[in-house]
Amino acid sequence: MSFQLLGNHCCKMLLSKRNIQISIVLIVMSLALATGFLPPLSQPDILTILRAAQVTVTVFMLFGILKAHPSHKANFFKLWLGITSTFFASLIYIILSYFFSYYPFYEIWEIFVLPISAVGVAYLMSIMYKEFVELTQGSVDALEAKQPPTYDATLQNLVISLKS
């Protein structure tokens, strides 16, 4: 019985927002570093700069998640989302350059790994963007609760709804 309670506590701890955010940031950084193993012909010069920028912004984001004041976390999210979106655009550029170029794929894994990586980065960015919106504007339920009072079209009879 106590092992089951301990297991539930560990699962809740592992699936906390903070741990999920840390995992996402580290996964995207790993994908950025893995682009260094692509053949030299498929690496644009900007990819080297973006790889270094992604590592740097990962360190900033880890600091933002772990130690930053809650009012400053939104700025760390903005920086990370900006650099990661440019990294995502470079992945799309590499994929398109493969399909529209005359040089063949060097290995079969490049056909599958690059598009899957791009989709993965896009999905992880969407999760982090939801976290950013929740951080800056509150949850969606709280936004729906703050609707203005209703009134009729003639404005003669103002009907105020007292929803709590």
Protein backbone atom coordinates (compact mmCIF):
# COMPACT_ATOMS: atom_id res chain seq x y z
CA MET A 1 0.00 0.00 0.00
CA SER A 2 2.77 2.43 0.88
CA PHE A 3 4.61 1.67 -2.38
CA GLN A 4 1.52 2.66 -4.34
CA LEU A 5 1.30 5.99 -2.53
CA LEU A 6 4.99 6.56 -3.06
CA GLY A 7 4.60 5.75 -6.76
CA ASN A 8 1.72 8.22 -7.14
CA HIS A 9 3.76 10.92 -5.40
CA CYS A 10 6.75 10.27 -7.66
CA CYS A 11 4.57 10.41 -10.79
CA LYS A 12 3.04 13.71 -9.70
CA MET A 13 6.49 15.09 -8.99
CA LEU A 14 7.89 13.93 -12.34
CA LEU A 15 4.92 15.34 -14.25
CA SER A 16 4.94 18.74 -12.61
CA LYS A 17 4.90 21.77 -14.91
CA ARG A 18 8.41 22.71 -13.93
CA ASN A 19 9.86 19.27 -14.74
CA ILE A 20 7.96 19.11 -18.03
CA GLN A 21 9.30 22.53 -19.02
CA ILE A 22 12.85 21.51 -18.14
CA SER A 23 12.46 18.32 -20.20
CA ILE A 24 11.12 20.21 -23.22
CA VAL A 25 13.96 22.73 -23.13
CA LEU A 26 16.59 19.99 -22.88
CA ILE A 27 15.00 17.91 -25.68
CA VAL A 28 15.00 20.86 -28.08
CA MET A 29 18.60 21.65 -27.18
CA SER A 30 19.54 18.02 -27.86
CA LEU A 31 17.89 18.19 -31.27
CA ALA A 32 19.78 21.39 -32.02
CA LEU A 33 23.07 19.75 -31.07
CA ALA A 34 22.20 16.65 -33.12
CA THR A 35 22.08 18.78 -36.28
CA GLY A 36 25.86 18.95 -36.01
CA PHE A 37 25.97 15.35 -37.26
CA LEU A 38 24.32 16.24 -40.57
CA PRO A 39 26.52 16.11 -43.66
CA PRO A 40 28.33 19.39 -44.40
CA LEU A 41 26.42 19.97 -47.63
CA SER A 42 23.11 20.09 -45.80
CA GLN A 43 24.18 22.53 -43.11
CA PRO A 44 23.62 26.18 -43.89
CA ASP A 45 25.98 28.61 -42.17
CA ILE A 46 23.18 30.04 -40.06
CA LEU A 47 22.63 26.62 -38.48
CA THR A 48 25.95 26.84 -36.64
CA ILE A 49 24.92 30.18 -35.17
CA LEU A 50 21.46 28.88 -34.28
CA ARG A 51 22.94 25.81 -32.62
CA ALA A 52 25.04 28.01 -30.35
CA ALA A 53 22.10 30.35 -29.74
CA GLN A 54 19.85 27.40 -28.83
CA VAL A 55 22.35 26.14 -26.26
CA THR A 56 22.69 29.64 -24.80
CA VAL A 57 18.96 30.25 -24.64
CA THR A 58 18.52 26.82 -23.02
CA VAL A 59 20.79 27.88 -20.19
CA PHE A 60 18.81 31.13 -19.85
CA MET A 61 15.51 29.24 -19.89
CA LEU A 62 16.70 26.75 -17.27
CA PHE A 63 17.59 29.70 -15.06
CA GLY A 64 14.19 31.22 -15.79
CA ILE A 65 12.37 28.04 -14.84
CA LEU A 66 14.42 27.28 -11.74
CA LYS A 67 15.46 30.59 -10.20
CA ALA A 68 13.85 33.61 -11.84
CA HIS A 69 11.29 35.78 -10.15
CA PRO A 70 7.77 34.87 -11.35
CA SER A 71 7.28 38.31 -12.89
CA HIS A 72 10.37 37.80 -15.10
CA LYS A 73 9.59 34.28 -16.35
CA ALA A 74 7.57 35.59 -19.29
CA ASN A 75 10.69 37.28 -20.70
CA PHE A 76 12.63 34.02 -20.56
CA PHE A 77 9.75 32.28 -22.37
CA LYS A 78 9.73 34.96 -25.09
CA LEU A 79 13.46 34.62 -25.69
CA TRP A 80 13.30 30.83 -25.79
CA LEU A 81 10.28 30.79 -28.11
CA GLY A 82 11.95 33.30 -30.46
CA ILE A 83 15.23 31.41 -30.82
CA THR A 84 13.47 28.04 -31.02
CA SER A 85 11.15 29.27 -33.78
CA THR A 86 14.16 30.33 -35.85
CA PHE A 87 15.73 26.92 -35.20
CA PHE A 88 12.46 25.32 -36.36
CA ALA A 89 12.56 27.46 -39.52
CA SER A 90 16.11 26.29 -40.22
CA LEU A 91 15.00 22.67 -39.87
CA ILE A 92 12.26 23.30 -42.42
CA TYR A 93 14.83 24.95 -44.72
CA ILE A 94 17.12 21.91 -44.48
CA ILE A 95 14.24 19.54 -45.23
CA LEU A 96 13.16 21.58 -48.24
CA SER A 97 16.72 21.88 -49.50
CA TYR A 98 17.02 18.10 -49.38
CA PHE A 99 13.89 17.56 -51.43
CA PHE A 100 14.61 20.28 -53.99
CA SER A 101 18.33 19.74 -54.47
CA TYR A 102 20.35 17.56 -56.74
CA TYR A 103 22.46 15.85 -54.14
CA PRO A 104 20.95 12.66 -52.69
CA PHE A 105 20.28 11.83 -49.10
CA TYR A 106 23.42 10.55 -47.51
CA GLU A 107 21.72 8.09 -45.25
CA ILE A 108 18.19 6.78 -45.02
CA TRP A 109 17.76 8.07 -41.44
CA GLU A 110 17.93 11.65 -42.71
CA ILE A 111 14.72 11.09 -44.66
CA PHE A 112 12.84 10.26 -41.48
CA VAL A 113 14.72 11.99 -38.67
CA LEU A 114 14.60 15.55 -39.97
CA PRO A 115 10.84 15.77 -40.57
CA ILE A 116 10.09 13.97 -37.30
CA SER A 117 12.45 16.36 -35.50
CA ALA A 118 10.73 19.37 -37.06
CA VAL A 119 7.31 18.08 -36.03
CA GLY A 120 8.63 17.35 -32.54
CA VAL A 121 10.06 20.84 -32.16
CA ALA A 122 6.79 22.38 -33.35
CA TYR A 123 4.79 20.30 -30.86
CA LEU A 124 7.10 21.15 -27.96
CA MET A 125 6.95 24.83 -28.90
CA SER A 126 3.15 24.70 -28.80
CA ILE A 127 3.25 23.24 -25.29
CA MET A 128 5.64 25.96 -24.13
CA TYR A 129 3.52 28.63 -25.80
CA LYS A 130 0.47 27.42 -23.87
CA GLU A 131 2.53 27.66 -20.69
CA PHE A 132 3.60 31.18 -21.69
CA VAL A 133 -0.01 32.27 -22.27
CA GLU A 134 -1.06 30.76 -18.96
CA LEU A 135 1.80 32.52 -17.23
CA THR A 136 1.07 35.93 -18.72
CA GLN A 137 -2.73 35.93 -18.93
CA GLY A 138 -3.87 33.21 -16.55
CA SER A 139 -5.65 30.00 -17.38
CA VAL A 140 -8.34 29.82 -20.05
CA ASP A 141 -11.01 29.15 -17.42
CA ALA A 142 -10.09 32.33 -15.57
CA LEU A 143 -10.28 34.33 -18.82
CA GLU A 144 -13.75 32.99 -19.57
CA ALA A 145 -14.95 33.91 -16.08
CA LYS A 146 -14.00 37.57 -16.64
CA GLN A 147 -16.59 38.20 -19.37
CA PRO A 148 -18.33 41.60 -19.34
CA PRO A 149 -21.98 41.82 -18.26
CA THR A 150 -24.60 41.07 -20.90
CA TYR A 151 -27.07 43.66 -22.17
CA ASP A 152 -29.78 43.79 -24.81
CA ALA A 153 -29.35 45.39 -28.22
CA THR A 154 -31.51 48.47 -27.54
CA LEU A 155 -29.47 49.55 -24.51
CA GLN A 156 -32.71 50.55 -22.77
CA ASN A 157 -32.72 47.68 -20.32
CA LEU A 158 -29.28 46.90 -19.04
CA VAL A 159 -29.22 43.39 -17.75
CA ILE A 160 -26.31 42.63 -15.54
CA SER A 161 -25.54 39.03 -15.01
CA LEU A 162 -24.28 38.23 -11.58
CA LYS A 163 -22.19 35.19 -12.31
CA SER A 164 -19.55 34.28 -9.83
